[in-house]
Amino acid sequence: MKELDDEELVALLLKGDQPAFRHLVYRYQGAMRAVAVAIVGGSLADEVVQDSWLAVVRHLHSFAGRATLKTWLITVTANTAKTRLKQQRRQVQLDDRSGPHGTVGADRFLADGHWRVAPASWHSDSPEELLCEQQLAECLEHTLASLSELQRSVLVLRERQGIELADICNLLDISLSNARVLLHRARLSVFATLEHYEVTGEC
């Protein structure tokens, strides 16, 4: 199927076009699952995405095009994930704990939240260093898992999905100031993990 814009794709979907729906899933499934993982974690993400697609099918006629189709799908997914969290009676706290190795100073970051000096990167094809990359990835995933729900959600939505903070605030029902604090603390924890791994080779 050729690349369709949102209006063309929605028109086909409303006609019940199955190839169009497969195209929609292919284009946005990854982003939706990333949002679900960010909010409810990996164990419930697939169920949330499945429920989200059902909601999309039921409410597609209400898509008015005021936002992009991707934004609408992500919003549906985020709302579905938050509903699932309530059903699980899980408490989401704004108070955050430090990462596994403490945090590094705020002077590591510029005013816009980016690192002043990025951590060292590993670029090599040798088996030993490829193994190091895999170990580092596991360390970073462990750090993500150690973050509070909101820290992890904000970090994944901003850094992996490229969603703007204002949109993240709407998705997670938090203020812009909270979003900035959560993102900053999450980045500090990730940076601390990178520094610790660079020095010790361990998580």
Protein backbone atom coordinates (compact mmCIF):
# COMPACT_ATOMS: atom_id res chain seq x y z
CA MET A 1 0.00 0.00 0.00
CA LYS A 2 1.32 3.46 -0.90
CA GLU A 3 2.09 5.94 1.86
CA LEU A 4 -1.20 7.59 2.76
CA ASP A 5 -1.80 10.77 4.71
CA ASP A 6 -4.06 10.69 7.75
CA GLU A 7 -7.18 11.86 5.91
CA GLU A 8 -6.84 9.24 3.18
CA LEU A 9 -6.11 6.48 5.67
CA VAL A 10 -9.06 7.34 7.90
CA ALA A 11 -11.38 7.47 4.89
CA LEU A 12 -10.36 3.95 3.90
CA LEU A 13 -10.64 2.70 7.46
CA LEU A 14 -14.18 4.04 7.78
CA LYS A 15 -15.07 2.04 4.68
CA GLY A 16 -13.82 -1.11 6.41
CA ASP A 17 -10.77 -1.47 4.19
CA GLN A 18 -8.73 -4.32 5.72
CA PRO A 19 -5.41 -3.51 3.97
CA ALA A 20 -5.73 0.03 5.34
CA PHE A 21 -6.15 -1.33 8.86
CA ARG A 22 -3.09 -3.58 8.45
CA HIS A 23 -1.18 -0.53 7.23
CA LEU A 24 -2.35 1.42 10.28
CA VAL A 25 -1.18 -1.33 12.63
CA TYR A 26 2.16 -1.63 10.84
CA ARG A 27 2.74 2.13 11.03
CA TYR A 28 1.75 2.79 14.63
CA GLN A 29 1.84 -0.47 16.61
CA GLY A 30 5.39 0.13 17.81
CA ALA A 31 4.66 3.63 19.09
CA MET A 32 1.50 2.48 20.84
CA ARG A 33 3.29 -0.38 22.56
CA ALA A 34 6.08 1.94 23.68
CA VAL A 35 3.52 4.23 25.29
CA ALA A 36 1.82 1.26 26.96
CA VAL A 37 5.14 -0.04 28.30
CA ALA A 38 5.98 3.43 29.59
CA ILE A 39 2.78 3.59 31.63
CA VAL A 40 1.96 0.03 32.72
CA GLY A 41 5.20 -1.87 32.13
CA GLY A 42 5.98 -4.73 29.78
CA SER A 43 3.83 -7.38 31.45
CA LEU A 44 0.56 -5.55 30.70
CA ALA A 45 1.58 -3.64 27.58
CA ASP A 46 0.32 -6.14 25.00
CA GLU A 47 -3.10 -6.32 26.67
CA VAL A 48 -3.29 -2.52 26.75
CA VAL A 49 -2.39 -2.27 23.07
CA GLN A 50 -5.01 -4.87 22.16
CA ASP A 51 -7.66 -3.00 24.14
CA SER A 52 -6.50 0.24 22.53
CA TRP A 53 -7.01 -1.13 19.02
CA LEU A 54 -10.52 -2.21 19.99
CA ALA A 55 -11.20 1.31 21.23
CA VAL A 56 -9.78 2.76 18.02
CA VAL A 57 -12.09 0.62 15.90
CA ARG A 58 -15.10 1.58 18.03
CA HIS A 59 -14.36 5.30 18.03
CA LEU A 60 -12.68 5.89 14.67
CA HIS A 61 -15.72 7.79 13.47
CA SER A 62 -15.05 10.39 16.19
CA PHE A 63 -11.56 11.21 14.91
CA ALA A 64 -11.92 14.83 13.84
CA GLY A 65 -8.40 15.48 12.59
CA ARG A 66 -7.69 18.24 15.12
CA ALA A 67 -4.59 16.29 16.10
CA THR A 68 -2.50 13.96 13.96
CA LEU A 69 -3.63 10.37 13.71
CA LYS A 70 -0.52 9.26 15.61
CA THR A 71 -1.26 11.68 18.45
CA TRP A 72 -4.85 10.43 18.63
CA LEU A 73 -3.75 6.78 18.70
CA ILE A 74 -1.18 7.50 21.39
CA THR A 75 -3.81 9.36 23.42
CA VAL A 76 -6.19 6.41 23.17
CA THR A 77 -3.38 4.09 24.26
CA ALA A 78 -2.37 6.30 27.16
CA ASN A 79 -5.97 6.55 28.38
CA THR A 80 -6.41 2.80 28.10
CA ALA A 81 -3.17 2.23 30.01
CA LYS A 82 -4.20 4.63 32.78
CA THR A 83 -7.55 2.89 33.10
CA ARG A 84 -5.73 -0.42 33.43
CA LEU A 85 -3.54 1.06 36.16
CA LYS A 86 -6.62 2.12 38.09
CA GLN A 87 -8.06 -1.35 37.71
CA GLN A 88 -4.85 -2.77 39.11
CA ARG A 89 -5.12 -0.29 41.99
CA ARG A 90 -1.53 0.66 41.58
CA GLN A 91 -0.40 3.86 43.25
CA VAL A 92 1.57 6.26 41.07
CA GLN A 93 3.69 8.53 43.22
CA LEU A 94 5.16 11.90 42.30
CA ASP A 95 7.91 11.39 44.88
CA ASP A 96 10.89 9.70 43.31
CA ARG A 97 13.77 7.68 44.59
CA SER A 98 17.32 7.91 43.40
CA GLY A 99 18.70 5.50 40.86
CA PRO A 100 20.70 2.43 41.89
CA HIS A 101 23.95 4.35 42.13
CA GLY A 102 22.70 7.73 43.33
CA THR A 103 22.49 10.73 41.04
CA VAL A 104 24.99 13.02 39.46
CA GLY A 105 24.92 16.78 39.79
CA ALA A 106 22.52 18.97 37.89
CA ASP A 107 25.50 20.86 36.48
CA ARG A 108 25.89 17.95 34.04
CA PHE A 109 22.92 19.34 32.10
CA LEU A 110 22.23 22.45 30.07
CA ALA A 111 19.16 24.59 30.67
CA ASP A 112 17.26 22.65 27.98
CA GLY A 113 17.92 19.35 29.79
CA HIS A 114 20.57 18.01 27.40
CA TRP A 115 23.91 16.75 28.69
CA ARG A 116 26.81 19.21 28.63
CA VAL A 117 29.14 16.36 27.76
CA ALA A 118 27.52 13.17 26.52
CA PRO A 119 28.71 9.93 28.10
CA ALA A 120 31.22 7.85 26.20
CA SER A 121 29.72 5.68 23.52
CA TRP A 122 30.78 2.21 22.44
CA HIS A 123 31.36 1.80 18.71
CA SER A 124 33.15 -1.43 17.86
CA ASP A 125 32.44 -4.67 16.13
CA SER A 126 34.65 -6.87 18.26
CA PRO A 127 32.79 -9.64 20.15
CA GLU A 128 34.05 -8.37 23.49
CA GLU A 129 32.81 -4.85 22.96
CA LEU A 130 29.55 -5.98 21.39
CA LEU A 131 29.02 -7.95 24.58
CA CYS A 132 29.70 -4.78 26.54
CA GLU A 133 26.99 -3.01 24.54
CA GLN A 134 24.53 -5.76 25.38
CA GLN A 135 25.47 -5.60 29.05
CA LEU A 136 25.07 -1.83 29.03
CA ALA A 137 21.63 -2.14 27.44
CA GLU A 138 20.64 -4.56 30.20
CA CYS A 139 21.93 -2.12 32.82
CA LEU A 140 19.90 0.70 31.31
CA GLU A 141 16.75 -1.44 31.21
CA HIS A 142 17.35 -2.30 34.86
CA THR A 143 17.63 1.39 35.65
CA LEU A 144 14.40 2.11 33.80
CA ALA A 145 12.67 -0.61 35.80
CA SER A 146 13.92 0.95 39.04
CA LEU A 147 12.39 4.33 38.27
CA SER A 148 8.98 5.37 39.53
CA GLU A 149 6.09 4.84 37.12
CA LEU A 150 5.91 8.52 36.23
CA GLN A 151 9.66 8.96 35.82
CA ARG A 152 9.82 6.00 33.46
CA SER A 153 6.72 7.13 31.57
CA VAL A 154 7.98 10.67 30.99
CA LEU A 155 11.48 9.50 30.00
CA VAL A 156 10.30 6.86 27.52
CA LEU A 157 7.67 9.11 25.96
CA ARG A 158 10.12 11.99 25.56
CA GLU A 159 13.34 10.19 24.65
CA ARG A 160 12.12 7.11 22.78
CA GLN A 161 8.96 8.46 21.18
CA GLY A 162 9.94 12.11 20.81
CA ILE A 163 6.67 13.37 22.25
CA GLU A 164 6.71 17.00 23.39
CA LEU A 165 6.46 17.69 27.12
CA ALA A 166 3.17 19.55 26.73
CA ASP A 167 1.63 16.49 25.08
CA ILE A 168 3.12 14.20 27.74
CA CYS A 169 1.46 16.33 30.40
CA ASN A 170 -1.91 15.77 28.73
CA LEU A 171 -1.31 12.05 28.36
CA LEU A 172 -0.25 11.54 31.97
CA ASP A 173 -2.40 14.23 33.62
CA ILE A 174 0.55 16.00 35.21
CA SER A 175 1.70 19.62 35.25
CA LEU A 176 4.51 20.89 33.06
CA SER A 177 6.67 21.59 36.11
CA ASN A 178 6.18 18.02 37.34
CA ALA A 179 7.02 16.66 33.89
CA ARG A 180 10.27 18.64 33.81
CA VAL A 181 11.29 17.46 37.28
CA LEU A 182 10.43 13.84 36.48
CA LEU A 183 12.35 13.95 33.20
CA HIS A 184 15.35 15.60 34.82
CA ARG A 185 15.54 13.06 37.65
CA ALA A 186 15.11 10.15 35.24
CA ARG A 187 17.93 11.47 33.08
CA LEU A 188 20.14 11.83 36.15
CA SER A 189 19.56 8.19 37.05
CA VAL A 190 20.35 7.05 33.52
CA PHE A 191 23.50 9.16 33.46
CA ALA A 192 24.58 7.73 36.81
CA THR A 193 24.20 4.22 35.41
CA LEU A 194 26.25 5.12 32.33
CA GLU A 195 29.02 6.63 34.45
CA HIS A 196 29.09 3.67 36.82
CA TYR A 197 29.25 1.21 33.92
CA GLU A 198 31.98 3.18 32.19
CA VAL A 199 34.13 3.07 35.32
CA THR A 200 33.40 -0.44 36.61
CA GLY A 201 31.98 -2.38 33.67
CA GLU A 202 29.12 -3.44 35.95
CA CYS A 203 25.52 -2.38 36.56
